[in-house]
């Protein structure tokens, strides 16, 4: 049995649809109930829903053999897992944004508000830019408006929220998409089963691309 951690929400539903098309369906997952674990013995798969940011923890710790996590989570937390496949869905980007007309004065320490502390640190370290990180957990966009920060580093999908708050993308840090990941020990001991899933999912990525 392969244990698969799916991210709750719209992305997880898209991901499950890919698994289903790939031949690893589990009809009970579509029933309207509060169950969290669903299995199809015939197909040898067991799915469970978890918070998107927790998928990599379940996989790293071995509670799940494989799972689907955003590249943002993998870059931020650097879990000890194998990244097997870019699913080419859940696409967005990690970007630096600031108030319209912002000018970055290199003589001053740049105040950066973000949930993604490690991504921001690594990005600015590569520029040798001196920064002051302000870790926030929600409503990042308000930070530059109230003068708490000069810029924010956050996920941008359409950019609508930024525009509505008179902010704009200054530069892209990294493109983000959903990745199929595997527990290292599981991949070693269940190689054939996991590779079969990966190959079937690869076909889906090509079809949907």
C-alpha atoms as a PDB file:
ATOM      1  CA  UNK A   1       0.000   0.000   0.000  1.00  0.00           C
ATOM      2  CA  UNK A   2       1.364   3.419  -0.999  1.00  0.00           C
ATOM      3  CA  UNK A   3       0.380   6.215   1.411  1.00  0.00           C
ATOM      4  CA  UNK A   4      -0.253   9.487  -0.410  1.00  0.00           C
ATOM      5  CA  UNK A   5      -0.569  12.889   1.309  1.00  0.00           C
ATOM      6  CA  UNK A   6      -2.771  15.314  -0.620  1.00  0.00           C
ATOM      7  CA  UNK A   7      -2.975  19.048   0.112  1.00  0.00           C
ATOM      8  CA  UNK A   8      -6.459  20.103   1.196  1.00  0.00           C
ATOM      9  CA  UNK A   9      -8.300  22.549  -1.055  1.00  0.00           C
ATOM     10  CA  UNK A  10      -8.528  23.288  -4.772  1.00  0.00           C
ATOM     11  CA  UNK A  11      -4.968  22.199  -5.518  1.00  0.00           C
ATOM     12  CA  UNK A  12      -5.536  18.851  -3.800  1.00  0.00           C
ATOM     13  CA  UNK A  13      -8.679  18.257  -5.853  1.00  0.00           C
ATOM     14  CA  UNK A  14      -6.728  18.934  -9.062  1.00  0.00           C
ATOM     15  CA  UNK A  15      -3.952  16.627  -7.885  1.00  0.00           C
ATOM     16  CA  UNK A  16      -6.374  13.827  -7.032  1.00  0.00           C
ATOM     17  CA  UNK A  17      -7.950  14.186 -10.497  1.00  0.00           C
ATOM     18  CA  UNK A  18      -4.468  13.567 -11.951  1.00  0.00           C
ATOM     19  CA  UNK A  19      -3.998  10.445  -9.813  1.00  0.00           C
ATOM     20  CA  UNK A  20      -7.458   9.271 -10.867  1.00  0.00           C
ATOM     21  CA  UNK A  21      -6.685   9.773 -14.579  1.00  0.00           C
ATOM     22  CA  UNK A  22      -3.387   7.994 -14.047  1.00  0.00           C
ATOM     23  CA  UNK A  23      -5.309   4.896 -12.898  1.00  0.00           C
ATOM     24  CA  UNK A  24      -5.005   5.251  -9.122  1.00  0.00           C
ATOM     25  CA  UNK A  25      -8.589   6.174  -8.345  1.00  0.00           C
ATOM     26  CA  UNK A  26     -10.220   5.874  -4.949  1.00  0.00           C
ATOM     27  CA  UNK A  27     -13.989   6.504  -5.318  1.00  0.00           C
ATOM     28  CA  UNK A  28     -14.622   6.940  -1.575  1.00  0.00           C
ATOM     29  CA  UNK A  29     -12.570  10.160  -1.607  1.00  0.00           C
ATOM     30  CA  UNK A  30     -15.342  11.832  -3.616  1.00  0.00           C
ATOM     31  CA  UNK A  31     -18.065  10.999  -1.093  1.00  0.00           C
ATOM     32  CA  UNK A  32     -19.437  13.891   0.940  1.00  0.00           C
ATOM     33  CA  UNK A  33     -18.200  12.999   4.413  1.00  0.00           C
ATOM     34  CA  UNK A  34     -15.676  14.067   7.020  1.00  0.00           C
ATOM     35  CA  UNK A  35     -13.303  11.145   6.628  1.00  0.00           C
ATOM     36  CA  UNK A  36      -9.637  12.017   6.225  1.00  0.00           C
ATOM     37  CA  UNK A  37      -8.219   8.675   5.052  1.00  0.00           C
ATOM     38  CA  UNK A  38      -9.396   6.793   1.947  1.00  0.00           C
ATOM     39  CA  UNK A  39      -8.016   3.604   0.432  1.00  0.00           C
ATOM     40  CA  UNK A  40      -8.393   1.403  -2.602  1.00  0.00           C
ATOM     41  CA  UNK A  41      -6.871  -1.984  -1.792  1.00  0.00           C
ATOM     42  CA  UNK A  42      -7.175  -3.161  -5.361  1.00  0.00           C
ATOM     43  CA  UNK A  43      -5.030  -0.254  -6.611  1.00  0.00           C
ATOM     44  CA  UNK A  44      -2.720  -0.387  -3.579  1.00  0.00           C
ATOM     45  CA  UNK A  45      -3.181   3.282  -2.642  1.00  0.00           C
ATOM     46  CA  UNK A  46      -4.243   5.083   0.533  1.00  0.00           C
ATOM     47  CA  UNK A  47      -4.911   8.831   0.346  1.00  0.00           C
ATOM     48  CA  UNK A  48      -5.247  11.350   3.132  1.00  0.00           C
ATOM     49  CA  UNK A  49      -5.896  15.098   3.228  1.00  0.00           C
ATOM     50  CA  UNK A  50      -3.551  17.373   5.171  1.00  0.00           C
ATOM     51  CA  UNK A  51      -2.859  21.092   5.369  1.00  0.00           C
ATOM     52  CA  UNK A  52      -0.729  22.040   2.306  1.00  0.00           C
ATOM     53  CA  UNK A  53       2.185  23.266   4.421  1.00  0.00           C
ATOM     54  CA  UNK A  54       2.203  19.944   6.345  1.00  0.00           C
ATOM     55  CA  UNK A  55       2.501  17.594   3.340  1.00  0.00           C
ATOM     56  CA  UNK A  56       6.298  17.705   3.311  1.00  0.00           C
ATOM     57  CA  UNK A  57       6.399  16.901   7.057  1.00  0.00           C
ATOM     58  CA  UNK A  58       4.231  13.789   6.605  1.00  0.00           C
ATOM     59  CA  UNK A  59       6.440  12.685   3.712  1.00  0.00           C
ATOM     60  CA  UNK A  60       9.768  13.505   5.394  1.00  0.00           C
ATOM     61  CA  UNK A  61       8.732  11.644   8.569  1.00  0.00           C
ATOM     62  CA  UNK A  62       7.475   8.610   6.655  1.00  0.00           C
ATOM     63  CA  UNK A  63       3.770   8.822   7.532  1.00  0.00           C
ATOM     64  CA  UNK A  64       3.277   9.265   3.775  1.00  0.00           C
ATOM     65  CA  UNK A  65       5.345   7.542   1.084  1.00  0.00           C
ATOM     66  CA  UNK A  66       4.641  10.271  -1.441  1.00  0.00           C
ATOM     67  CA  UNK A  67       2.778  13.570  -1.486  1.00  0.00           C
ATOM     68  CA  UNK A  68       2.288  16.819  -3.356  1.00  0.00           C
ATOM     69  CA  UNK A  69       3.729  20.083  -2.049  1.00  0.00           C
ATOM     70  CA  UNK A  70       4.325  23.536  -3.489  1.00  0.00           C
ATOM     71  CA  UNK A  71       7.878  24.448  -4.436  1.00  0.00           C
ATOM     72  CA  UNK A  72       7.575  27.384  -1.988  1.00  0.00           C
ATOM     73  CA  UNK A  73       7.241  24.956   0.944  1.00  0.00           C
ATOM     74  CA  UNK A  74      10.200  22.878  -0.276  1.00  0.00           C
ATOM     75  CA  UNK A  75      12.419  25.940  -0.626  1.00  0.00           C
ATOM     76  CA  UNK A  76      11.369  27.442   2.710  1.00  0.00           C
ATOM     77  CA  UNK A  77      11.671  24.338   4.896  1.00  0.00           C
ATOM     78  CA  UNK A  78      14.189  22.265   2.875  1.00  0.00           C
ATOM     79  CA  UNK A  79      12.751  18.898   3.988  1.00  0.00           C
ATOM     80  CA  UNK A  80      14.833  15.737   3.520  1.00  0.00           C
ATOM     81  CA  UNK A  81      12.781  14.273   0.671  1.00  0.00           C
ATOM     82  CA  UNK A  82      13.151  13.392  -3.007  1.00  0.00           C
ATOM     83  CA  UNK A  83      11.514  15.739  -5.493  1.00  0.00           C
ATOM     84  CA  UNK A  84      10.245  13.443  -8.234  1.00  0.00           C
ATOM     85  CA  UNK A  85       8.165  15.493 -10.649  1.00  0.00           C
ATOM     86  CA  UNK A  86       6.963  19.010 -11.437  1.00  0.00           C
ATOM     87  CA  UNK A  87       3.197  18.556 -11.900  1.00  0.00           C
ATOM     88  CA  UNK A  88       2.914  21.881 -13.735  1.00  0.00           C
ATOM     89  CA  UNK A  89      -0.184  22.911 -11.752  1.00  0.00           C
ATOM     90  CA  UNK A  90      -0.730  25.370  -8.905  1.00  0.00           C
ATOM     91  CA  UNK A  91       1.532  27.712 -10.826  1.00  0.00           C
ATOM     92  CA  UNK A  92       2.397  31.113  -9.381  1.00  0.00           C
ATOM     93  CA  UNK A  93       5.599  32.891  -8.380  1.00  0.00           C
ATOM     94  CA  UNK A  94       7.467  34.079  -5.329  1.00  0.00           C
ATOM     95  CA  UNK A  95       8.044  37.775  -5.846  1.00  0.00           C
ATOM     96  CA  UNK A  96       9.309  40.976  -4.266  1.00  0.00           C
ATOM     97  CA  UNK A  97       6.630  43.682  -4.203  1.00  0.00           C
ATOM     98  CA  UNK A  98       6.636  47.276  -3.018  1.00  0.00           C
ATOM     99  CA  UNK A  99       4.612  50.472  -3.180  1.00  0.00           C
ATOM    100  CA  UNK A 100       4.355  51.905  -6.696  1.00  0.00           C
ATOM    101  CA  UNK A 101       7.408  54.005  -7.517  1.00  0.00           C
ATOM    102  CA  UNK A 102       9.575  52.394  -4.809  1.00  0.00           C
ATOM    103  CA  UNK A 103      13.326  53.030  -5.106  1.00  0.00           C
ATOM    104  CA  UNK A 104      15.768  50.673  -3.364  1.00  0.00           C
ATOM    105  CA  UNK A 105      18.489  52.740  -1.703  1.00  0.00           C
ATOM    106  CA  UNK A 106      21.465  50.376  -1.313  1.00  0.00           C
ATOM    107  CA  UNK A 107      22.937  52.614   1.386  1.00  0.00           C
ATOM    108  CA  UNK A 108      20.141  51.625   3.771  1.00  0.00           C
ATOM    109  CA  UNK A 109      19.156  48.286   5.289  1.00  0.00           C
ATOM    110  CA  UNK A 110      16.144  46.981   3.381  1.00  0.00           C
ATOM    111  CA  UNK A 111      13.160  46.100   5.580  1.00  0.00           C
ATOM    112  CA  UNK A 112      11.534  42.924   4.214  1.00  0.00           C
ATOM    113  CA  UNK A 113       8.187  41.590   5.482  1.00  0.00           C
ATOM    114  CA  UNK A 114       7.435  37.943   4.639  1.00  0.00           C
ATOM    115  CA  UNK A 115       6.116  34.563   5.752  1.00  0.00           C
ATOM    116  CA  UNK A 116       8.963  32.983   3.784  1.00  0.00           C
ATOM    117  CA  UNK A 117      11.969  33.940   5.884  1.00  0.00           C
ATOM    118  CA  UNK A 118      14.486  31.477   4.433  1.00  0.00           C
ATOM    119  CA  UNK A 119      13.544  32.149   0.814  1.00  0.00           C
ATOM    120  CA  UNK A 120      13.897  35.896   1.400  1.00  0.00           C
ATOM    121  CA  UNK A 121      17.207  35.519   3.263  1.00  0.00           C
ATOM    122  CA  UNK A 122      18.695  33.306   0.560  1.00  0.00           C
ATOM    123  CA  UNK A 123      17.495  35.586  -2.226  1.00  0.00           C
ATOM    124  CA  UNK A 124      19.013  38.733  -0.727  1.00  0.00           C
ATOM    125  CA  UNK A 125      22.161  36.924   0.430  1.00  0.00           C
ATOM    126  CA  UNK A 126      22.784  36.056  -3.236  1.00  0.00           C
ATOM    127  CA  UNK A 127      22.642  39.823  -3.904  1.00  0.00           C
ATOM    128  CA  UNK A 128      24.836  40.644  -0.887  1.00  0.00           C
ATOM    129  CA  UNK A 129      22.001  42.964   0.192  1.00  0.00           C
ATOM    130  CA  UNK A 130      21.754  43.940   3.848  1.00  0.00           C
ATOM    131  CA  UNK A 131      18.205  43.256   5.066  1.00  0.00           C
ATOM    132  CA  UNK A 132      16.048  43.358   8.174  1.00  0.00           C
ATOM    133  CA  UNK A 133      13.528  40.465   8.080  1.00  0.00           C
ATOM    134  CA  UNK A 134      10.100  41.041   9.606  1.00  0.00           C
ATOM    135  CA  UNK A 135       8.241  37.722   9.884  1.00  0.00           C
ATOM    136  CA  UNK A 136       4.490  38.049   9.464  1.00  0.00           C
ATOM    137  CA  UNK A 137       1.837  35.349   9.242  1.00  0.00           C
ATOM    138  CA  UNK A 138      -0.966  37.123   7.407  1.00  0.00           C
ATOM    139  CA  UNK A 139      -1.936  40.243   5.417  1.00  0.00           C
ATOM    140  CA  UNK A 140       1.646  40.797   4.272  1.00  0.00           C
ATOM    141  CA  UNK A 141       0.473  43.466   1.791  1.00  0.00           C
ATOM    142  CA  UNK A 142      -0.354  45.919   4.562  1.00  0.00           C
ATOM    143  CA  UNK A 143       3.267  46.085   5.815  1.00  0.00           C
ATOM    144  CA  UNK A 144       4.680  48.524   3.218  1.00  0.00           C
ATOM    145  CA  UNK A 145       1.468  50.591   3.237  1.00  0.00           C
ATOM    146  CA  UNK A 146       1.845  51.249   6.985  1.00  0.00           C
ATOM    147  CA  UNK A 147       5.622  51.744   6.729  1.00  0.00           C
ATOM    148  CA  UNK A 148       6.444  48.557   8.645  1.00  0.00           C
ATOM    149  CA  UNK A 149       8.566  47.347   5.693  1.00  0.00           C
ATOM    150  CA  UNK A 150      10.033  48.631   2.433  1.00  0.00           C
ATOM    151  CA  UNK A 151       9.132  45.517   0.463  1.00  0.00           C
ATOM    152  CA  UNK A 152       7.382  42.175   0.868  1.00  0.00           C
ATOM    153  CA  UNK A 153       8.362  38.728  -0.375  1.00  0.00           C
ATOM    154  CA  UNK A 154       5.251  36.689  -1.029  1.00  0.00           C
ATOM    155  CA  UNK A 155       3.425  34.396  -3.428  1.00  0.00           C
ATOM    156  CA  UNK A 156       1.800  36.212  -6.335  1.00  0.00           C
ATOM    157  CA  UNK A 157      -0.825  34.529  -8.514  1.00  0.00           C
ATOM    158  CA  UNK A 158      -2.767  37.187 -10.418  1.00  0.00           C
ATOM    159  CA  UNK A 159      -1.393  40.303  -8.708  1.00  0.00           C
ATOM    160  CA  UNK A 160      -4.927  41.636  -8.090  1.00  0.00           C
ATOM    161  CA  UNK A 161      -4.446  42.069  -4.315  1.00  0.00           C
ATOM    162  CA  UNK A 162      -1.212  43.962  -4.930  1.00  0.00           C
ATOM    163  CA  UNK A 163      -2.812  46.321  -7.468  1.00  0.00           C
ATOM    164  CA  UNK A 164      -5.791  46.980  -5.209  1.00  0.00           C
ATOM    165  CA  UNK A 165      -3.361  48.092  -2.500  1.00  0.00           C
ATOM    166  CA  UNK A 166      -1.211  50.242  -4.820  1.00  0.00           C
ATOM    167  CA  UNK A 167       1.646  47.731  -4.740  1.00  0.00           C
ATOM    168  CA  UNK A 168       3.536  46.268  -7.661  1.00  0.00           C
ATOM    169  CA  UNK A 169       5.928  43.399  -8.321  1.00  0.00           C
ATOM    170  CA  UNK A 170       9.512  44.636  -8.318  1.00  0.00           C
ATOM    171  CA  UNK A 171      11.065  41.306  -9.337  1.00  0.00           C
ATOM    172  CA  UNK A 172      10.416  37.582  -9.393  1.00  0.00           C
ATOM    173  CA  UNK A 173      12.340  35.478  -6.886  1.00  0.00           C
ATOM    174  CA  UNK A 174      11.408  32.027  -8.222  1.00  0.00           C
ATOM    175  CA  UNK A 175       8.550  30.378 -10.151  1.00  0.00           C
ATOM    176  CA  UNK A 176       6.379  28.081  -8.016  1.00  0.00           C
ATOM    177  CA  UNK A 177       4.366  24.972  -8.906  1.00  0.00           C
ATOM    178  CA  UNK A 178       3.182  21.746  -7.275  1.00  0.00           C
ATOM    179  CA  UNK A 179       5.785  18.970  -6.962  1.00  0.00           C
ATOM    180  CA  UNK A 180       5.401  15.228  -6.419  1.00  0.00           C
ATOM    181  CA  UNK A 181       7.731  14.281  -3.553  1.00  0.00           C
ATOM    182  CA  UNK A 182       8.753  11.006  -1.894  1.00  0.00           C
ATOM    183  CA  UNK A 183      10.053   9.819   1.441  1.00  0.00           C
ATOM    184  CA  UNK A 184      13.671   8.699   0.972  1.00  0.00           C
ATOM    185  CA  UNK A 185      13.285   5.322   2.722  1.00  0.00           C
ATOM    186  CA  UNK A 186       9.964   4.600   0.981  1.00  0.00           C
ATOM    187  CA  UNK A 187      11.544   5.305  -2.388  1.00  0.00           C
ATOM    188  CA  UNK A 188      14.292   2.833  -1.572  1.00  0.00           C
ATOM    189  CA  UNK A 189      11.954   0.025  -0.465  1.00  0.00           C
ATOM    190  CA  UNK A 190       8.952   0.685  -2.722  1.00  0.00           C
ATOM    191  CA  UNK A 191      10.836   1.852  -5.803  1.00  0.00           C
ATOM    192  CA  UNK A 192       8.821  -0.094  -8.378  1.00  0.00           C
ATOM    193  CA  UNK A 193       5.427   0.970  -6.989  1.00  0.00           C
ATOM    194  CA  UNK A 194       6.417   4.639  -6.681  1.00  0.00           C
ATOM    195  CA  UNK A 195       8.053   4.758 -10.113  1.00  0.00           C
ATOM    196  CA  UNK A 196       4.909   3.258 -11.633  1.00  0.00           C
ATOM    197  CA  UNK A 197       2.907   6.154 -10.148  1.00  0.00           C
ATOM    198  CA  UNK A 198       5.493   8.711 -11.285  1.00  0.00           C
ATOM    199  CA  UNK A 199       5.455   7.382 -14.863  1.00  0.00           C
ATOM    200  CA  UNK A 200       1.644   7.479 -14.964  1.00  0.00           C
ATOM    201  CA  UNK A 201       1.646  11.025 -13.581  1.00  0.00           C
ATOM    202  CA  UNK A 202       4.262  12.119 -16.131  1.00  0.00           C
ATOM    203  CA  UNK A 203       1.804  11.228 -18.870  1.00  0.00           C
ATOM    204  CA  UNK A 204      -0.773  13.458 -17.168  1.00  0.00           C
ATOM    205  CA  UNK A 205       1.625  16.399 -17.015  1.00  0.00           C
ATOM    206  CA  UNK A 206       2.271  16.121 -20.759  1.00  0.00           C
ATOM    207  CA  UNK A 207      -1.440  15.855 -21.515  1.00  0.00           C
ATOM    208  CA  UNK A 208      -2.398  18.841 -19.383  1.00  0.00           C
ATOM    209  CA  UNK A 209       0.535  21.050 -20.370  1.00  0.00           C
END
